[in-house]
C-alpha atoms as a PDB file:
ATOM      1  CA  MET A   1    -135.776-132.252  84.309  1.00  0.00           C
ATOM      2  CA  ALA A   2    -137.413-134.697  86.629  1.00  0.00           C
ATOM      3  CA  ARG A   3    -138.895-133.443  89.865  1.00  0.00           C
ATOM      4  CA  SER A   4    -137.876-134.985  93.123  1.00  0.00           C
ATOM      5  CA  THR A   5    -140.342-136.876  95.261  1.00  0.00           C
ATOM      6  CA  ARG A   6    -140.279-134.073  97.823  1.00  0.00           C
ATOM      7  CA  GLN A   7    -141.177-131.467  95.184  1.00  0.00           C
ATOM      8  CA  ASN A   8    -144.026-133.640  93.893  1.00  0.00           C
ATOM      9  CA  ALA A   9    -145.367-134.108  97.410  1.00  0.00           C
ATOM     10  CA  ARG A  10    -145.191-130.364  98.073  1.00  0.00           C
ATOM     11  CA  LEU A  11    -146.956-129.529  94.805  1.00  0.00           C
ATOM     12  CA  SER A  12    -149.634-132.113  95.539  1.00  0.00           C
ATOM     13  CA  LEU A  13    -150.197-130.637  99.000  1.00  0.00           C
ATOM     14  CA  GLU A  14    -150.403-127.121  97.557  1.00  0.00           C
ATOM     15  CA  MET A  15    -152.935-128.222  94.943  1.00  0.00           C
ATOM     16  CA  ARG A  16    -155.089-129.940  97.585  1.00  0.00           C
ATOM     17  CA  MET A  17    -154.966-126.869  99.812  1.00  0.00           C
ATOM     18  CA  LYS A  18    -155.945-124.555  96.947  1.00  0.00           C
ATOM     19  CA  SER A  19    -158.792-126.814  95.922  1.00  0.00           C
ATOM     20  CA  GLY A  20    -159.944-127.094  99.531  1.00  0.00           C
ATOM     21  CA  LEU A  21    -159.967-123.309  99.792  1.00  0.00           C
ATOM     22  CA  LEU A  22    -162.000-123.058  96.585  1.00  0.00           C
ATOM     23  CA  ILE A  23    -164.499-125.583  97.929  1.00  0.00           C
ATOM     24  CA  LEU A  24    -164.790-123.773 101.275  1.00  0.00           C
ATOM     25  CA  VAL A  25    -165.144-120.273  99.817  1.00  0.00           C
ATOM     26  CA  GLY A  26    -167.537-121.480  97.123  1.00  0.00           C
ATOM     27  CA  THR A  27    -169.714-123.197  99.718  1.00  0.00           C
ATOM     28  CA  LEU A  28    -169.804-120.072 101.901  1.00  0.00           C
ATOM     29  CA  ILE A  29    -170.735-117.909  98.909  1.00  0.00           C
ATOM     30  CA  ALA A  30    -173.476-120.371  97.912  1.00  0.00           C
ATOM     31  CA  VAL A  31    -174.927-120.341 101.443  1.00  0.00           C
ATOM     32  CA  ALA A  32    -174.834-116.536 101.486  1.00  0.00           C
ATOM     33  CA  GLY A  33    -176.650-116.455  98.135  1.00  0.00           C
ATOM     34  CA  VAL A  34    -179.388-118.750  99.451  1.00  0.00           C
ATOM     35  CA  VAL A  35    -179.796-116.573 102.553  1.00  0.00           C
ATOM     36  CA  PHE A  36    -179.970-113.450 100.381  1.00  0.00           C
ATOM     37  CA  ALA A  37    -182.629-115.073  98.199  1.00  0.00           C
ATOM     38  CA  LEU A  38    -184.683-116.150 101.219  1.00  0.00           C
ATOM     39  CA  GLN A  39    -184.462-112.646 102.652  1.00  0.00           C
ATOM     40  CA  GLY A  40    -185.460-111.123  99.330  1.00  0.00           C
ATOM     41  CA  LEU A  41    -188.461-113.428  99.133  1.00  0.00           C
ATOM     42  CA  GLY A  42    -189.471-112.459 102.668  1.00  0.00           C
ATOM     43  CA  TYR A  43    -188.932-115.864 104.304  1.00  0.00           C
ATOM     44  CA  VAL A  44    -186.183-114.488 106.565  1.00  0.00           C
ATOM     45  CA  GLY A  45    -187.093-111.249 108.277  1.00  0.00           C
ATOM     46  CA  GLY A  46    -185.341-108.691 110.405  1.00  0.00           C
ATOM     47  CA  SER A  47    -183.146-107.156 107.720  1.00  0.00           C
ATOM     48  CA  VAL A  48    -183.286-104.265 105.293  1.00  0.00           C
ATOM     49  CA  MET A  49    -182.952-106.956 102.604  1.00  0.00           C
ATOM     50  CA  SER A  50    -186.235-108.603 103.618  1.00  0.00           C
ATOM     51  CA  GLY A  51    -188.898-108.411 100.950  1.00  0.00           C
ATOM     52  CA  VAL A  52    -186.655-106.594  98.433  1.00  0.00           C
ATOM     53  CA  THR A  53    -186.950-108.009  94.922  1.00  0.00           C
ATOM     54  CA  PHE A  54    -183.340-107.090  94.110  1.00  0.00           C
ATOM     55  CA  TRP A  55    -182.074-109.677  96.617  1.00  0.00           C
ATOM     56  CA  ALA A  56    -184.642-112.248  95.497  1.00  0.00           C
ATOM     57  CA  VAL A  57    -183.075-112.048  92.023  1.00  0.00           C
ATOM     58  CA  LEU A  58    -179.425-111.540  92.955  1.00  0.00           C
ATOM     59  CA  GLY A  59    -179.362-114.222  95.686  1.00  0.00           C
ATOM     60  CA  PRO A  60    -179.743-117.220  93.350  1.00  0.00           C
ATOM     61  CA  LEU A  61    -177.122-115.761  91.000  1.00  0.00           C
ATOM     62  CA  ILE A  62    -174.674-115.442  93.887  1.00  0.00           C
ATOM     63  CA  ALA A  63    -175.503-118.998  94.962  1.00  0.00           C
ATOM     64  CA  LEU A  64    -174.808-120.297  91.447  1.00  0.00           C
ATOM     65  CA  ILE A  65    -171.419-118.566  91.422  1.00  0.00           C
ATOM     66  CA  GLY A  66    -170.599-120.208  94.748  1.00  0.00           C
ATOM     67  CA  ILE A  67    -171.691-123.623  93.511  1.00  0.00           C
ATOM     68  CA  ALA A  68    -169.544-123.192  90.396  1.00  0.00           C
ATOM     69  CA  MET A  69    -166.515-122.273  92.523  1.00  0.00           C
ATOM     70  CA  ALA A  70    -167.008-125.288  94.787  1.00  0.00           C
ATOM     71  CA  ALA A  71    -167.501-127.599  91.796  1.00  0.00           C
ATOM     72  CA  PHE A  72    -164.323-126.245  90.206  1.00  0.00           C
ATOM     73  CA  GLY A  73    -162.484-126.934  93.466  1.00  0.00           C
ATOM     74  CA  VAL A  74    -163.766-130.521  93.558  1.00  0.00           C
ATOM     75  CA  ARG A  75    -162.806-131.058  89.941  1.00  0.00           C
ATOM     76  CA  TYR A  76    -159.385-129.458  90.535  1.00  0.00           C
ATOM     77  CA  ARG A  77    -158.817-131.771  93.505  1.00  0.00           C
ATOM     78  CA  ARG A  78    -159.707-134.881  91.520  1.00  0.00           C
ATOM     79  CA  SER A  79    -157.347-133.956  88.690  1.00  0.00           C
ATOM     80  CA  SER A  80    -154.362-133.397  90.983  1.00  0.00           C
ATOM     81  CA  PRO A  81    -151.796-136.191  91.167  1.00  0.00           C
END
């Protein structure tokens, strides 16, 4: 069955909103990961995370996950009709 123009427009809007949410959440996670890494390395003080090696290692991993989510959102947006 063929979809109506209204259904196609609604699906397109839903896909753009989902991809936008992925981009936003991924960006926020990436920023948090960078902050965690900087705290772990001791560049940002005033936290119990400051100077803790655990956060210096985990921060970049969290940032990479966020970057991957944002990249998936961008790719998902480009592939939508």
